[in-house]
Amino acid sequence: MRRLISSGSPFEAAGGYSRAVVDGEWVFVAGTTGFDYAAMTISDDPAEQTRQAPDLRSAAADYTTHCAVCHGTAGRGDGPAAKGLTPPPADLTDADRMGQHSVFGL
């Protein structure tokens, strides 16, 4: 099943693309750049940009470490620390709700 993830950018609607597309076990990310946030610059050298781009191979481990406690292992907002939180953790599997938010504002 394919799922589209929006960043909320108006360019997505105008250009007809999504920030990320989840297709089975694969995640395809668009517009990821090697921006150096420490220096607030981006290199003119594409090879250097590639070296600076985020390494998404650790995403699953990062989610487990930093997100699953509230969002749950499947992302449904039912993690062990979710009880009593106001607002409750987002259900990341709710495509309609997630389509209304930026991935950076979740």
Protein backbone atom coordinates (compact mmCIF):
# COMPACT_ATOMS: atom_id res chain seq x y z
CA MET A 1 0.00 0.00 0.00
CA ARG A 2 1.37 3.38 -0.98
CA ARG A 3 1.04 6.32 1.43
CA LEU A 4 1.91 9.95 0.68
CA ILE A 5 3.40 12.22 3.35
CA SER A 6 3.12 15.98 2.93
CA SER A 7 5.35 18.65 4.40
CA GLY A 8 2.54 21.19 3.96
CA SER A 9 4.48 23.11 1.34
CA PRO A 10 2.33 24.89 -1.27
CA PHE A 11 4.84 23.69 -3.86
CA GLU A 12 3.71 20.10 -3.32
CA ALA A 13 0.23 20.85 -4.62
CA ALA A 14 1.54 23.05 -7.41
CA GLY A 15 4.22 20.57 -8.48
CA GLY A 16 2.23 17.41 -7.81
CA TYR A 17 4.72 15.69 -5.53
CA SER A 18 4.89 14.53 -1.91
CA ARG A 19 7.65 15.11 0.62
CA ALA A 20 7.83 11.36 1.13
CA VAL A 21 6.13 8.27 -0.25
CA VAL A 22 5.86 5.09 1.80
CA ASP A 23 5.50 2.00 -0.37
CA GLY A 24 5.60 -1.24 1.58
CA GLU A 25 8.84 -1.32 3.55
CA TRP A 26 10.40 1.47 1.44
CA VAL A 27 10.34 5.21 2.10
CA PHE A 28 11.19 7.57 -0.77
CA VAL A 29 12.07 11.10 0.35
CA ALA A 30 11.97 14.09 -2.02
CA GLY A 31 13.87 17.31 -1.62
CA THR A 32 16.39 16.07 0.93
CA THR A 33 19.46 18.24 0.67
CA GLY A 34 22.86 18.38 2.26
CA PHE A 35 22.20 21.66 4.03
CA ASP A 36 24.73 22.32 6.79
CA TYR A 37 22.54 23.56 9.65
CA ALA A 38 25.54 24.34 11.85
CA ALA A 39 26.90 26.82 9.31
CA MET A 40 23.50 27.59 7.71
CA THR A 41 24.99 27.01 4.27
CA ILE A 42 24.79 24.55 1.39
CA SER A 43 27.83 23.62 -0.64
CA ASP A 44 27.96 24.25 -4.39
CA ASP A 45 29.64 20.83 -4.70
CA PRO A 46 27.03 18.04 -5.24
CA ALA A 47 29.39 15.44 -3.75
CA GLU A 48 29.70 17.50 -0.56
CA GLN A 49 25.91 17.93 -0.46
CA THR A 50 25.59 14.14 -0.64
CA ARG A 51 27.96 13.70 2.30
CA GLN A 52 25.93 16.25 4.32
CA ALA A 53 22.49 14.79 3.49
CA PRO A 54 20.65 13.06 6.33
CA ASP A 55 21.37 9.35 6.69
CA LEU A 56 17.93 7.76 6.81
CA ARG A 57 19.27 4.27 7.50
CA SER A 58 18.97 4.93 11.23
CA ALA A 59 15.35 6.14 11.00
CA ALA A 60 13.78 2.95 12.40
CA ALA A 61 16.13 2.90 15.38
CA ASP A 62 15.61 6.63 15.93
CA TYR A 63 11.83 6.13 15.90
CA THR A 64 12.08 3.28 18.40
CA THR A 65 14.32 5.33 20.68
CA HIS A 66 12.61 8.73 20.49
CA CYS A 67 9.03 8.27 19.26
CA ALA A 68 7.58 4.83 20.03
CA VAL A 69 7.19 5.51 23.74
CA CYS A 70 4.32 7.91 22.90
CA HIS A 71 3.31 7.00 19.32
CA GLY A 72 3.59 3.21 19.83
CA THR A 73 5.53 0.68 17.81
CA ALA A 74 3.05 0.89 14.90
CA GLY A 75 2.62 4.68 15.12
CA ARG A 76 -0.99 4.61 16.28
CA GLY A 77 -0.50 6.98 19.23
CA ASP A 78 -0.87 4.17 21.75
CA GLY A 79 2.61 3.95 23.25
CA PRO A 80 3.09 3.26 26.97
CA ALA A 81 3.67 6.96 27.77
CA ALA A 82 0.62 8.14 25.77
CA LYS A 83 -1.94 7.70 28.51
CA GLY A 84 -3.05 11.04 29.93
CA LEU A 85 -1.07 13.23 27.51
CA THR A 86 -2.85 16.38 26.35
CA PRO A 87 -2.96 16.63 23.45
CA PRO A 88 -2.65 12.91 22.82
CA PRO A 89 0.14 11.69 20.52
CA ALA A 90 -0.81 11.77 16.85
CA ASP A 91 -1.86 8.56 15.13
CA LEU A 92 0.77 8.53 12.40
CA THR A 93 -1.21 5.91 10.49
CA ASP A 94 -4.21 8.24 10.02
CA ALA A 95 -3.55 9.38 6.45
CA ASP A 96 -6.31 12.01 6.48
CA ARG A 97 -4.99 13.65 9.64
CA MET A 98 -1.36 13.39 8.63
CA GLY A 99 -2.17 14.94 5.26
CA GLN A 100 -3.23 18.08 7.11
CA HIS A 101 0.11 18.52 8.85
CA SER A 102 3.72 19.11 7.96
CA VAL A 103 6.03 16.19 8.75
CA PHE A 104 8.09 18.81 10.57
CA GLY A 105 5.15 19.80 12.79
CA LEU A 106 4.11 16.36 13.99
